[in-house]
Amino acid sequence: MPDRAETCPSEPEFVATIPGLVHAATTRFADADCIVTPDCRLSYGQLDAHSRALAARLVSLGVGKGGRVGILFPNGVAWVVAWAAAARIGAVVIPINTFYTAPELGRFLRHADVQVIVGVDHFLHHDYLARLELIAPELAHVPPRADGPLFAPSLPQLRRVLLWGESSRPWAVGDLGVGLDAALSGPPTEVLTGLEEDVTPGDTAVVIYTSGSTGDPKGVVLSHGALVRHSHNLARMSALEEGTRTWTPMPLFWVGGLVFTLLRLLHVGGTLITQEVFEPGAALRLISRERATTVGAWPGASKALIDHPDFATTDLSSVTRGTLHEILPDGSHPSDPTLAIGALGMTETCGPHTFYTIAEEAVGAPEEYRGTFGHEVPGVAHRIVNPETGRDVAEGEEGEVLVRGYSLMLGMYKRERADVFDADGWYHTDDRGLFRDGWFFFTGRQSDMIKTGGSNVAPAEVEACLVGMADVKLAFVVGVPHLERGEDVVALVVPWASTEVDPAELRRRVKEQLSSYKVPRHTFVIGDADVPWLPSMKADRRALAALAARLVAGPVRSADGQPATG
């Protein structure tokens, strides 16, 4: 799509910083629930008081503006308080994936230059103190009663490990979360106020690590202004109402949990309802008990809720919006299937850069635009280019998606700007898509493109065609190597329960809608249990490609005991 003047997004009614957002939310919604878990809840007033008390402790230990603070908690009250405490004094928050193994954690801490870790000593089977001693064996030799900064050659930037609860190691300070409701201690109140006043919208607020298509970690640097303005505009475009109560298992250490959920709710005094560990029965009870109005989950989690024995008897009448309906059979809760938000986003753009607004959802997209990912977010501009020539393609033609605008990241940590953005400031997303009459259509990742017989096939396009069929619940399209054609297009299809599908009939229907080279040469019917899900609740496309290759090579029985057919 040709470049066009960027439209200024609306501005929040306060300074676009995390301290400004926390203060504004506290002023307006002091008594409202900010976050609720199965056994704990925190009001907006408590968030302000507790995070300010924790900020005072951090400052007394030498943390200040620009300090690099790693947050290592599962979803919950402690995560939110620690994030707000560090961000409000201008420290750079670096969320830590709670599932990191010792080697992954070591590489992350070194690459991110984490100076202070604030977190828990363990979560589930993860013993983080033991892992830190594997990463830096010299920590095990720190003498008892050591209370000064750490100097570990294996982690040369790390100075403090601060634990929410008790500490079993002399090199880790414990009881950080104790007494946060008591009077402030440490630096004078005027110092804390001055630190907050010195935070500007252009300052770095967070560095979120994500894996690229190659699996290499990327530290995405996001500013206070981008986080606050973008979450404000997303709340406005999705018409979030005061008192919205959102349940989600989405991790807060990813952009979807932080920006699209937590920050968006802070603008309207909404409540984040979440769990440390997703368990569908407990989630259903929590959703019902807390009268959640919105459910935000990936297909795997939504399916787990629906398949749970308690689903049919759980009162979900409060739920009117969100993602749960996408895989619900007709007549199940929630009853209104029009309230789904379609968007395309990424960490690099602080979340969605295209959006399907609530006003459009109320009437639905015109038939010729079904499958759209909405329009570009005001303030974000797009170009669709031929990846080989770098030139803009014609309206309605597919190409690589380029973005720039107010919500774009400041850059990638430890990478030069010229290696991240082109000379005109555009970020090349590696996504493919097209605009038609202002509506955006996503067609897949550049790296996911299937090259068959000299032609490119976007898996997302074929998947959308298959899922549009009434008897297909899920569809995954991958490329399987072929000696002559390069790759074959292979579809793995999960039908709705108690529905029989004929692979040959599916291929015939696809051929009616798509060019012949896009029609899967092999279509296999698989069971729900065959779909591999990542911890993020996204489908593991590498595992799907391996499964497809095995099915093409010979007959295999699915995980639920049913023969897969092609």
Protein backbone atom coordinates (compact mmCIF):
# COMPACT_ATOMS: atom_id res chain seq x y z
CA MET A 1 0.00 0.00 0.00
CA PRO A 2 1.53 3.42 -0.91
CA ASP A 3 2.79 5.57 1.93
CA ARG A 4 0.27 8.08 3.20
CA ALA A 5 0.10 10.76 5.86
CA GLU A 6 -0.02 9.31 9.32
CA THR A 7 -3.06 10.19 11.40
CA CYS A 8 -2.27 11.31 14.95
CA PRO A 9 -3.74 8.91 17.51
CA SER A 10 -5.70 10.20 20.46
CA GLU A 11 -3.71 11.19 23.55
CA PRO A 12 -4.27 10.03 27.13
CA GLU A 13 -5.30 12.76 29.55
CA PHE A 14 -1.98 12.60 31.45
CA VAL A 15 1.75 12.36 30.80
CA ALA A 16 2.32 9.25 28.68
CA THR A 17 4.55 7.40 31.14
CA ILE A 18 3.99 4.42 33.43
CA PRO A 19 4.10 6.66 36.54
CA GLY A 20 1.52 8.91 34.88
CA LEU A 21 -0.71 5.94 34.05
CA VAL A 22 -0.49 4.48 37.57
CA HIS A 23 -1.29 7.85 39.16
CA ALA A 24 -4.22 8.48 36.81
CA ALA A 25 -5.67 5.02 37.41
CA THR A 26 -5.30 5.38 41.18
CA THR A 27 -7.00 8.76 41.17
CA ARG A 28 -9.98 7.51 39.18
CA PHE A 29 -10.37 3.91 40.34
CA ALA A 30 -8.72 3.64 43.78
CA ASP A 31 -11.18 1.10 45.21
CA ALA A 32 -11.65 -1.01 42.07
CA ASP A 33 -9.93 -4.38 41.61
CA CYS A 34 -6.78 -4.11 39.51
CA ILE A 35 -5.76 -7.79 39.49
CA VAL A 36 -7.42 -10.89 40.92
CA THR A 37 -6.07 -14.43 41.23
CA PRO A 38 -7.74 -17.48 42.83
CA ASP A 39 -6.39 -16.52 46.28
CA CYS A 40 -5.46 -12.84 46.10
CA ARG A 41 -6.71 -9.48 44.85
CA LEU A 42 -5.17 -6.02 44.59
CA SER A 43 -7.03 -2.72 44.22
CA TYR A 44 -5.73 0.24 42.27
CA GLY A 45 -5.09 2.08 45.51
CA GLN A 46 -3.08 -0.86 46.82
CA LEU A 47 -1.14 -1.07 43.54
CA ASP A 48 -0.06 2.55 43.98
CA ALA A 49 0.89 2.15 47.64
CA HIS A 50 2.61 -1.23 47.36
CA SER A 51 4.56 -0.38 44.21
CA ARG A 52 5.69 2.92 45.75
CA ALA A 53 6.91 1.11 48.88
CA LEU A 54 8.76 -1.45 46.76
CA ALA A 55 10.21 1.34 44.63
CA ALA A 56 11.63 2.90 47.81
CA ARG A 57 13.34 -0.41 48.66
CA LEU A 58 14.79 -0.68 45.17
CA VAL A 59 16.15 2.86 45.33
CA SER A 60 17.72 2.16 48.74
CA LEU A 61 19.54 -0.80 47.14
CA GLY A 62 20.94 1.38 44.38
CA VAL A 63 18.37 0.94 41.61
CA GLY A 64 17.58 4.13 39.73
CA LYS A 65 16.71 5.49 36.34
CA GLY A 66 18.10 3.28 33.59
CA GLY A 67 18.81 0.38 35.93
CA ARG A 68 18.08 -2.94 34.27
CA VAL A 69 15.61 -4.92 36.41
CA GLY A 70 14.63 -8.46 35.48
CA ILE A 71 11.14 -9.49 36.67
CA LEU A 72 10.85 -13.22 37.37
CA PHE A 73 7.34 -14.07 38.56
CA PRO A 74 4.44 -16.12 37.25
CA ASN A 75 1.23 -14.19 36.54
CA GLY A 76 -0.06 -12.60 39.71
CA VAL A 77 -0.07 -9.67 42.10
CA ALA A 78 3.69 -9.76 42.69
CA TRP A 79 4.43 -9.43 38.96
CA VAL A 80 2.24 -6.34 38.63
CA VAL A 81 3.59 -4.67 41.78
CA ALA A 82 7.24 -5.33 40.86
CA TRP A 83 6.73 -4.08 37.30
CA ALA A 84 5.05 -0.87 38.49
CA ALA A 85 7.69 -0.28 41.18
CA ALA A 86 10.61 -0.52 38.77
CA ALA A 87 8.92 1.37 35.94
CA ARG A 88 7.76 4.30 38.08
CA ILE A 89 11.36 5.17 39.08
CA GLY A 90 12.56 4.96 35.47
CA ALA A 91 14.28 1.58 35.68
CA VAL A 92 14.21 -0.55 32.53
CA VAL A 93 11.96 -3.55 33.14
CA ILE A 94 13.08 -6.79 31.51
CA PRO A 95 10.42 -9.50 31.92
CA ILE A 96 11.90 -12.99 32.31
CA ASN A 97 10.26 -16.06 30.82
CA THR A 98 9.47 -18.35 33.74
CA PHE A 99 10.04 -21.43 31.56
CA TYR A 100 13.69 -20.72 30.75
CA THR A 101 16.08 -23.63 31.30
CA ALA A 102 19.47 -22.89 32.87
CA PRO A 103 21.27 -22.45 29.50
CA GLU A 104 18.44 -20.24 28.19
CA LEU A 105 18.38 -18.18 31.37
CA GLY A 106 22.15 -17.73 31.26
CA ARG A 107 22.14 -16.51 27.66
CA PHE A 108 19.22 -14.21 28.40
CA LEU A 109 20.78 -12.61 31.49
CA ARG A 110 24.08 -11.99 29.68
CA HIS A 111 22.47 -10.61 26.53
CA ALA A 112 19.99 -8.41 28.42
CA ASP A 113 22.65 -7.10 30.87
CA VAL A 114 20.29 -7.68 33.80
CA GLN A 115 21.64 -5.91 36.89
CA VAL A 116 18.92 -6.77 39.40
CA ILE A 117 16.61 -9.78 39.49
CA VAL A 118 13.35 -9.36 41.37
CA GLY A 119 11.35 -12.56 41.63
CA VAL A 120 10.62 -15.89 43.26
CA ASP A 121 13.08 -18.65 44.09
CA HIS A 122 11.04 -21.33 42.36
CA PHE A 123 7.91 -21.93 40.30
CA LEU A 124 6.45 -25.36 39.56
CA HIS A 125 9.49 -27.60 39.02
CA HIS A 126 11.75 -24.66 38.17
CA ASP A 127 14.39 -23.98 40.86
CA TYR A 128 15.75 -20.60 39.81
CA LEU A 129 18.40 -20.31 42.54
CA ALA A 130 19.86 -23.69 41.57
CA ARG A 131 19.83 -22.61 37.94
CA LEU A 132 21.64 -19.39 38.77
CA GLU A 133 24.32 -21.43 40.54
CA LEU A 134 24.66 -23.62 37.45
CA ILE A 135 25.07 -20.50 35.34
CA ALA A 136 27.47 -18.84 37.80
CA PRO A 137 29.06 -21.53 40.07
CA GLU A 138 30.95 -18.82 41.94
CA LEU A 139 27.66 -17.77 43.59
CA ALA A 140 27.74 -20.96 45.67
CA HIS A 141 30.91 -19.68 47.36
CA VAL A 142 29.53 -16.32 48.49
CA PRO A 143 30.16 -16.18 52.28
CA PRO A 144 27.26 -16.21 54.76
CA ARG A 145 25.75 -12.89 55.81
CA ALA A 146 26.94 -11.24 52.60
CA ASP A 147 24.83 -8.13 52.07
CA GLY A 148 26.78 -6.20 49.48
CA PRO A 149 26.52 -6.23 45.67
CA LEU A 150 27.38 -9.38 43.74
CA PHE A 151 30.43 -9.67 41.53
CA ALA A 152 30.16 -12.90 39.57
CA PRO A 153 32.41 -13.18 36.47
CA SER A 154 29.91 -15.54 34.80
CA LEU A 155 27.20 -12.86 35.15
CA PRO A 156 29.32 -9.70 35.22
CA GLN A 157 26.39 -7.24 35.14
CA LEU A 158 24.37 -8.86 37.93
CA ARG A 159 24.52 -7.02 41.27
CA ARG A 160 21.45 -8.12 43.19
CA VAL A 161 19.00 -11.03 43.43
CA LEU A 162 15.93 -9.92 45.38
CA LEU A 163 13.34 -12.54 46.35
CA TRP A 164 9.69 -11.95 47.18
CA GLY A 165 9.80 -14.57 49.94
CA GLU A 166 12.49 -16.03 52.16
CA SER A 167 15.97 -16.69 50.80
CA SER A 168 17.92 -19.91 51.21
CA ARG A 169 21.12 -18.45 49.75
CA PRO A 170 23.47 -15.81 51.19
CA TRP A 171 23.76 -14.15 47.78
CA ALA A 172 20.01 -13.56 47.45
CA VAL A 173 18.10 -10.99 49.55
CA GLY A 174 14.73 -12.28 50.77
CA ASP A 175 11.41 -10.97 52.08
CA LEU A 176 11.09 -8.22 49.50
CA GLY A 177 7.31 -8.62 49.45
CA VAL A 178 6.88 -8.40 53.23
CA GLY A 179 5.37 -5.29 54.76
CA LEU A 180 4.62 -3.37 51.57
CA ASP A 181 1.49 -2.00 53.24
CA ALA A 182 3.58 -0.38 55.99
CA ALA A 183 4.89 3.18 56.00
CA LEU A 184 7.57 4.08 53.46
CA SER A 185 11.15 3.54 54.55
CA GLY A 186 14.40 4.39 52.83
CA PRO A 187 14.74 7.42 50.59
CA PRO A 188 12.67 10.56 51.30
CA THR A 189 9.31 10.84 49.61
CA GLU A 190 10.64 13.85 47.68
CA VAL A 191 13.31 11.64 46.07
CA LEU A 192 10.73 9.13 44.85
CA THR A 193 8.55 11.92 43.52
CA GLY A 194 11.53 13.44 41.72
CA LEU A 195 12.44 10.11 40.15
CA GLU A 196 8.91 9.72 38.83
CA GLU A 197 8.88 13.28 37.48
CA ASP A 198 12.13 12.60 35.62
CA VAL A 199 10.57 9.75 33.59
CA THR A 200 9.68 10.95 30.08
CA PRO A 201 7.63 9.36 27.27
CA GLY A 202 10.82 8.88 25.25
CA ASP A 203 12.58 6.87 27.95
CA THR A 204 12.97 3.12 27.62
CA ALA A 205 10.32 1.39 29.73
CA VAL A 206 10.72 -2.28 28.90
CA VAL A 207 12.79 -4.70 26.85
CA ILE A 208 10.69 -7.71 25.85
CA TYR A 209 12.51 -10.73 24.52
CA THR A 210 10.96 -12.72 21.74
CA SER A 211 12.18 -15.34 19.30
CA GLY A 212 12.42 -14.52 15.63
CA SER A 213 11.66 -16.92 12.80
CA THR A 214 15.21 -18.27 13.14
CA GLY A 215 14.82 -18.89 16.86
CA ASP A 216 17.42 -16.24 17.75
CA PRO A 217 16.36 -14.08 20.72
CA LYS A 218 15.45 -10.46 20.08
CA GLY A 219 15.35 -7.80 22.78
CA VAL A 220 12.63 -5.39 21.65
CA VAL A 221 13.10 -1.95 23.23
CA LEU A 222 9.81 -0.11 23.90
CA SER A 223 9.36 3.40 25.29
CA HIS A 224 7.00 4.66 27.97
CA GLY A 225 5.18 6.76 25.37
CA ALA A 226 4.62 3.84 23.00
CA LEU A 227 3.31 1.58 25.77
CA VAL A 228 0.92 4.11 27.26
CA ARG A 229 -0.34 5.75 24.06
CA HIS A 230 -0.84 2.47 22.22
CA SER A 231 -2.65 0.74 25.08
CA HIS A 232 -4.82 3.87 25.42
CA ASN A 233 -5.76 3.79 21.75
CA LEU A 234 -6.41 0.04 21.79
CA ALA A 235 -8.75 0.52 24.75
CA ARG A 236 -10.55 3.26 22.84
CA MET A 237 -10.81 1.33 19.57
CA SER A 238 -12.11 -1.77 21.32
CA ALA A 239 -14.56 0.37 23.32
CA LEU A 240 -13.48 -1.04 26.67
CA GLU A 241 -15.83 0.10 29.37
CA GLU A 242 -15.06 1.06 32.93
CA GLY A 243 -15.22 -2.04 35.05
CA THR A 244 -14.28 -4.50 32.27
CA ARG A 245 -13.14 -7.75 33.88
CA THR A 246 -10.82 -9.82 31.68
CA TRP A 247 -9.72 -13.39 32.35
CA THR A 248 -6.63 -14.54 30.49
CA PRO A 249 -3.87 -17.14 30.91
CA MET A 250 -1.62 -15.00 28.68
CA PRO A 251 1.81 -14.53 30.34
CA LEU A 252 2.55 -10.99 31.48
CA PHE A 253 6.15 -11.39 30.31
CA TRP A 254 4.94 -11.19 26.69
CA VAL A 255 3.52 -8.16 24.90
CA GLY A 256 0.02 -9.65 24.66
CA GLY A 257 -0.21 -9.97 28.43
CA LEU A 258 1.45 -6.66 29.28
CA VAL A 259 0.13 -4.24 26.64
CA PHE A 260 -3.01 -5.75 25.17
CA THR A 261 -4.31 -6.96 28.52
CA LEU A 262 -2.85 -5.26 31.64
CA LEU A 263 -2.09 -1.77 30.29
CA ARG A 264 -5.28 -1.61 28.26
CA LEU A 265 -7.30 -2.39 31.40
CA LEU A 266 -5.49 0.25 33.47
CA HIS A 267 -6.93 2.98 31.24
CA VAL A 268 -10.52 2.04 32.11
CA GLY A 269 -10.17 0.79 35.66
CA GLY A 270 -10.57 -2.77 34.44
CA THR A 271 -9.65 -5.94 36.29
CA LEU A 272 -7.12 -8.54 35.18
CA ILE A 273 -8.25 -12.01 36.28
CA THR A 274 -5.51 -14.60 35.92
CA GLN A 275 -3.76 -17.67 37.36
CA GLU A 276 -0.17 -18.66 38.01
CA VAL A 277 -0.84 -21.95 36.24
CA PHE A 278 -3.64 -22.53 33.76
CA GLU A 279 -5.94 -25.33 34.87
CA PRO A 280 -9.29 -25.36 33.05
CA GLY A 281 -11.48 -26.39 35.99
CA ALA A 282 -10.00 -23.73 38.27
CA ALA A 283 -10.21 -21.21 35.43
CA LEU A 284 -13.92 -21.87 34.92
CA ARG A 285 -14.57 -21.40 38.63
CA LEU A 286 -12.55 -18.18 38.65
CA ILE A 287 -14.26 -16.78 35.55
CA SER A 288 -17.65 -17.50 37.11
CA ARG A 289 -16.79 -16.29 40.62
CA GLU A 290 -15.30 -13.00 39.42
CA ARG A 291 -18.01 -12.38 36.80
CA ALA A 292 -15.49 -11.97 33.99
CA THR A 293 -16.88 -10.00 31.06
CA THR A 294 -14.10 -10.89 28.61
CA VAL A 295 -12.12 -14.05 27.96
CA GLY A 296 -8.81 -13.79 26.12
CA ALA A 297 -7.14 -17.12 25.33
CA TRP A 298 -5.46 -19.01 22.53
CA PRO A 299 -7.35 -21.88 20.87
CA GLY A 300 -5.68 -24.55 22.98
CA ALA A 301 -6.74 -22.95 26.26
CA SER A 302 -10.24 -22.20 24.96
CA LYS A 303 -10.65 -25.80 23.87
CA ALA A 304 -9.50 -27.03 27.28
CA LEU A 305 -12.20 -24.91 28.91
CA ILE A 306 -14.89 -26.25 26.60
CA ASP A 307 -13.81 -29.87 26.98
CA HIS A 308 -13.76 -29.73 30.79
CA PRO A 309 -16.62 -31.66 32.45
CA ASP A 310 -17.69 -28.54 34.39
CA PHE A 311 -18.07 -26.35 31.31
CA ALA A 312 -21.73 -27.15 30.69
CA THR A 313 -22.74 -26.38 34.27
CA THR A 314 -20.57 -23.30 34.84
CA ASP A 315 -22.34 -19.95 34.83
CA LEU A 316 -20.59 -17.95 32.09
CA SER A 317 -23.46 -15.55 31.51
CA SER A 318 -21.27 -12.54 32.38
CA VAL A 319 -18.94 -13.21 29.42
CA THR A 320 -19.93 -11.15 26.38
CA ARG A 321 -16.64 -10.55 24.56
CA GLY A 322 -13.33 -12.12 23.74
CA THR A 323 -11.92 -15.18 22.04
CA LEU A 324 -13.74 -18.05 23.69
CA HIS A 325 -16.57 -18.03 21.15
CA GLU A 326 -14.26 -18.79 18.23
CA ILE A 327 -14.33 -22.53 18.81
CA LEU A 328 -17.67 -22.80 20.59
CA PRO A 329 -20.48 -24.79 18.97
CA ASP A 330 -23.66 -22.84 18.28
CA GLY A 331 -25.76 -22.14 21.33
CA SER A 332 -22.92 -22.25 23.86
CA HIS A 333 -21.69 -19.39 26.04
CA PRO A 334 -21.03 -16.64 25.24
CA SER A 335 -24.07 -16.16 23.06
CA ASP A 336 -22.90 -13.23 20.92
CA PRO A 337 -20.38 -14.37 18.28
CA THR A 338 -20.02 -10.91 16.71
CA LEU A 339 -17.77 -9.51 19.41
CA ALA A 340 -14.41 -10.91 18.32
CA ILE A 341 -11.50 -8.56 17.78
CA GLY A 342 -9.41 -9.28 14.70
CA ALA A 343 -5.95 -7.76 14.63
CA LEU A 344 -2.40 -8.35 13.49
CA GLY A 345 0.40 -7.38 15.80
CA MET A 346 3.86 -8.14 17.09
CA THR A 347 6.14 -7.18 19.94
CA GLU A 348 8.03 -4.77 17.65
CA THR A 349 4.87 -2.67 17.19
CA CYS A 350 3.81 -2.83 20.84
CA GLY A 351 0.94 -5.14 19.93
CA PRO A 352 -1.62 -4.77 17.12
CA HIS A 353 -0.79 -2.52 14.18
CA THR A 354 -4.02 -3.39 12.36
CA PHE A 355 -7.36 -3.55 14.16
CA TYR A 356 -11.00 -4.43 13.61
CA THR A 357 -12.90 -1.93 15.73
CA ILE A 358 -15.89 -2.70 17.92
CA ALA A 359 -18.12 -0.50 15.72
CA GLU A 360 -17.27 -2.64 12.70
CA GLU A 361 -17.76 -5.84 14.69
CA ALA A 362 -21.31 -4.79 15.54
CA VAL A 363 -22.32 -4.98 11.89
CA GLY A 364 -19.64 -7.34 10.62
CA ALA A 365 -17.40 -6.89 7.61
CA PRO A 366 -18.98 -6.90 4.16
CA GLU A 367 -18.99 -10.36 2.62
CA GLU A 368 -16.14 -9.52 0.25
CA TYR A 369 -13.94 -8.54 3.19
CA ARG A 370 -14.52 -11.58 5.42
CA GLY A 371 -11.23 -12.84 6.83
CA THR A 372 -9.86 -9.33 7.19
CA PHE A 373 -7.55 -8.24 10.01
CA GLY A 374 -9.17 -4.80 10.01
CA HIS A 375 -7.65 -1.43 9.16
CA GLU A 376 -4.34 0.11 10.08
CA VAL A 377 -4.25 1.60 13.57
CA PRO A 378 -4.34 5.43 13.41
CA GLY A 379 -0.80 6.69 13.77
CA VAL A 380 0.70 3.57 12.19
CA ALA A 381 1.52 3.54 8.47
CA HIS A 382 2.07 0.52 6.24
CA ARG A 383 3.71 -0.30 2.94
CA ILE A 384 3.27 -3.53 1.01
CA VAL A 385 6.38 -4.20 -1.06
CA ASN A 386 7.84 -6.80 -3.35
CA PRO A 387 10.52 -8.34 -1.09
CA GLU A 388 12.87 -8.90 -4.03
CA THR A 389 12.72 -5.38 -5.49
CA GLY A 390 11.69 -3.37 -2.43
CA ARG A 391 9.10 -1.51 -4.52
CA ASP A 392 5.47 -0.96 -3.57
CA VAL A 393 3.05 -3.41 -5.11
CA ALA A 394 -0.27 -2.38 -6.62
CA GLU A 395 -3.43 -2.08 -4.50
CA GLY A 396 -4.75 -5.55 -3.70
CA GLU A 397 -1.47 -7.33 -4.47
CA GLU A 398 0.36 -9.39 -1.87
CA GLY A 399 3.82 -8.55 -0.58
CA GLU A 400 5.90 -8.03 2.55
CA VAL A 401 4.41 -5.78 5.23
CA LEU A 402 6.44 -2.74 6.34
CA VAL A 403 5.39 -0.58 9.30
CA ARG A 404 6.36 2.62 11.05
CA GLY A 405 4.61 4.97 13.44
CA TYR A 406 4.16 6.04 17.03
CA SER A 407 3.94 2.51 18.50
CA LEU A 408 7.04 1.17 16.77
CA MET A 409 9.90 -0.01 18.98
CA LEU A 410 12.91 2.19 19.64
CA GLY A 411 15.07 -0.62 18.29
CA MET A 412 16.56 -4.01 19.11
CA TYR A 413 18.86 -4.24 22.10
CA LYS A 414 22.52 -4.51 21.06
CA ARG A 415 21.72 -4.08 17.37
CA GLU A 416 22.56 -1.01 15.34
CA ARG A 417 19.64 0.98 14.00
CA ALA A 418 20.66 0.42 10.39
CA ASP A 419 20.35 -3.34 10.97
CA VAL A 420 16.78 -2.98 12.29
CA PHE A 421 15.14 -0.24 10.17
CA ASP A 422 15.67 0.76 6.56
CA ALA A 423 16.93 4.18 5.54
CA ASP A 424 13.40 5.65 5.66
CA GLY A 425 12.62 4.30 9.12
CA TRP A 426 10.42 1.39 8.00
CA TYR A 427 10.51 -1.91 9.85
CA HIS A 428 10.33 -4.98 7.63
CA THR A 429 8.05 -7.35 9.56
CA ASP A 430 8.66 -10.55 7.56
CA ASP A 431 4.84 -10.84 7.43
CA ARG A 432 3.02 -11.04 4.12
CA GLY A 433 -0.33 -9.47 3.34
CA LEU A 434 -2.30 -7.04 1.23
CA PHE A 435 -4.67 -4.08 1.53
CA ARG A 436 -7.93 -3.94 -0.39
CA ASP A 437 -10.09 -0.82 -0.04
CA GLY A 438 -8.37 -0.06 3.25
CA TRP A 439 -8.96 -3.55 4.69
CA PHE A 440 -5.88 -5.59 5.58
CA PHE A 441 -5.52 -9.31 4.84
CA PHE A 442 -2.74 -11.38 6.40
CA THR A 443 -1.41 -14.17 4.18
CA GLY A 444 1.45 -15.61 6.24
CA ARG A 445 5.07 -15.28 7.23
CA GLN A 446 7.80 -14.93 4.65
CA SER A 447 9.60 -17.79 6.37
CA ASP A 448 6.41 -19.92 6.30
CA MET A 449 5.90 -19.55 2.58
CA ILE A 450 5.68 -22.86 0.76
CA LYS A 451 7.55 -22.98 -2.54
CA THR A 452 6.04 -25.61 -4.76
CA GLY A 453 6.83 -26.02 -8.45
CA GLY A 454 8.20 -22.47 -8.64
CA SER A 455 5.10 -20.88 -7.03
CA ASN A 456 4.69 -19.39 -3.55
CA VAL A 457 1.82 -20.55 -1.36
CA ALA A 458 0.84 -18.71 1.84
CA PRO A 459 -0.30 -21.29 4.43
CA ALA A 460 -2.64 -18.79 6.11
CA GLU A 461 -4.65 -18.38 2.92
CA VAL A 462 -5.24 -22.12 2.53
CA GLU A 463 -5.94 -22.52 6.26
CA ALA A 464 -8.55 -19.77 6.14
CA CYS A 465 -10.23 -21.51 3.22
CA LEU A 466 -10.38 -24.82 5.10
CA VAL A 467 -11.54 -23.36 8.42
CA GLY A 468 -14.30 -21.56 6.54
CA MET A 469 -15.88 -24.96 5.88
CA ALA A 470 -18.60 -25.88 8.37
CA ASP A 471 -17.14 -29.28 9.27
CA VAL A 472 -13.56 -28.10 9.91
CA LYS A 473 -12.56 -26.82 13.36
CA LEU A 474 -8.80 -26.38 12.92
CA ALA A 475 -6.54 -26.52 9.87
CA PHE A 476 -2.77 -26.37 9.54
CA VAL A 477 -1.01 -26.13 6.19
CA VAL A 478 2.71 -26.87 5.90
CA GLY A 479 5.29 -27.68 3.25
CA VAL A 480 6.79 -31.15 2.97
CA PRO A 481 9.97 -31.57 0.87
CA HIS A 482 9.53 -33.10 -2.58
CA LEU A 483 12.36 -34.09 -4.89
CA GLU A 484 10.91 -32.53 -8.06
CA ARG A 485 8.53 -29.80 -6.87
CA GLY A 486 10.66 -28.52 -3.99
CA GLU A 487 7.76 -28.78 -1.54
CA ASP A 488 4.29 -30.25 -1.48
CA VAL A 489 1.40 -28.40 0.12
CA VAL A 490 0.04 -30.61 2.92
CA ALA A 491 -3.01 -29.91 5.07
CA LEU A 492 -3.67 -31.32 8.55
CA VAL A 493 -7.35 -30.93 9.45
CA VAL A 494 -9.14 -31.35 12.78
CA PRO A 495 -12.90 -31.83 12.30
CA TRP A 496 -15.59 -30.85 14.77
CA ALA A 497 -16.56 -33.57 17.23
CA SER A 498 -18.82 -36.29 15.81
CA THR A 499 -18.17 -35.00 12.29
CA GLU A 500 -16.71 -37.12 9.53
CA VAL A 501 -14.85 -35.37 6.74
CA ASP A 502 -13.64 -36.72 3.43
CA PRO A 503 -10.14 -35.44 2.52
CA ALA A 504 -10.93 -35.74 -1.18
CA GLU A 505 -14.06 -33.63 -0.72
CA LEU A 506 -12.08 -30.99 1.21
CA ARG A 507 -9.56 -30.78 -1.64
CA ARG A 508 -12.38 -30.41 -4.15
CA ARG A 509 -13.88 -27.50 -2.21
CA VAL A 510 -10.50 -25.80 -1.84
CA LYS A 511 -9.98 -26.11 -5.59
CA GLU A 512 -13.23 -24.22 -6.14
CA GLN A 513 -11.86 -21.23 -4.24
CA LEU A 514 -8.10 -21.20 -4.76
CA SER A 515 -5.63 -21.60 -7.63
CA SER A 516 -4.70 -25.19 -8.37
CA TYR A 517 -1.11 -24.85 -7.11
CA LYS A 518 -2.47 -23.83 -3.68
CA VAL A 519 -4.63 -26.94 -3.34
CA PRO A 520 -3.05 -29.41 -0.87
CA ARG A 521 -1.62 -32.46 -2.59
CA HIS A 522 -2.22 -34.36 0.64
CA THR A 523 -4.95 -33.74 3.21
CA PHE A 524 -4.90 -35.67 6.48
CA VAL A 525 -7.59 -35.81 9.13
CA ILE A 526 -6.06 -35.76 12.61
CA GLY A 527 -7.45 -35.69 16.15
CA ASP A 528 -7.34 -32.91 18.73
CA ALA A 529 -4.65 -34.83 20.61
CA ASP A 530 -2.39 -34.76 17.56
CA VAL A 531 -2.04 -30.97 17.55
CA PRO A 532 1.23 -29.92 19.25
CA TRP A 533 0.87 -26.71 21.27
CA LEU A 534 3.72 -24.55 22.50
CA PRO A 535 3.70 -23.11 26.06
CA SER A 536 2.43 -19.89 24.42
CA MET A 537 -0.61 -21.89 23.28
CA LYS A 538 0.32 -21.36 19.66
CA ALA A 539 0.59 -24.35 17.37
CA ASP A 540 4.13 -25.72 17.03
CA ARG A 541 4.56 -25.43 13.28
CA ARG A 542 7.87 -27.31 13.25
CA ALA A 543 6.25 -30.28 14.97
CA LEU A 544 3.28 -30.05 12.57
CA ALA A 545 5.63 -30.12 9.58
CA ALA A 546 7.35 -33.20 11.02
CA LEU A 547 3.99 -34.89 11.56
CA ALA A 548 2.93 -34.07 8.00
CA ALA A 549 6.17 -35.54 6.64
CA ARG A 550 5.57 -38.79 8.55
CA LEU A 551 1.99 -39.01 7.31
CA VAL A 552 3.09 -38.47 3.72
CA ALA A 553 5.73 -41.17 4.10
CA GLY A 554 3.31 -43.82 5.34
CA PRO A 555 0.23 -44.72 7.41
CA VAL A 556 0.36 -43.51 10.99
CA ARG A 557 -2.21 -43.77 13.73
CA SER A 558 -3.07 -40.55 15.54
CA ALA A 559 -2.54 -39.98 19.27
CA ASP A 560 -6.21 -40.67 19.99
CA GLY A 561 -5.98 -44.06 18.26
CA GLN A 562 -7.76 -43.08 15.07
CA PRO A 563 -6.05 -43.68 11.72
CA ALA A 564 -5.02 -40.48 9.98
CA THR A 565 -6.16 -40.46 6.37
CA GLY A 566 -4.96 -38.70 3.27
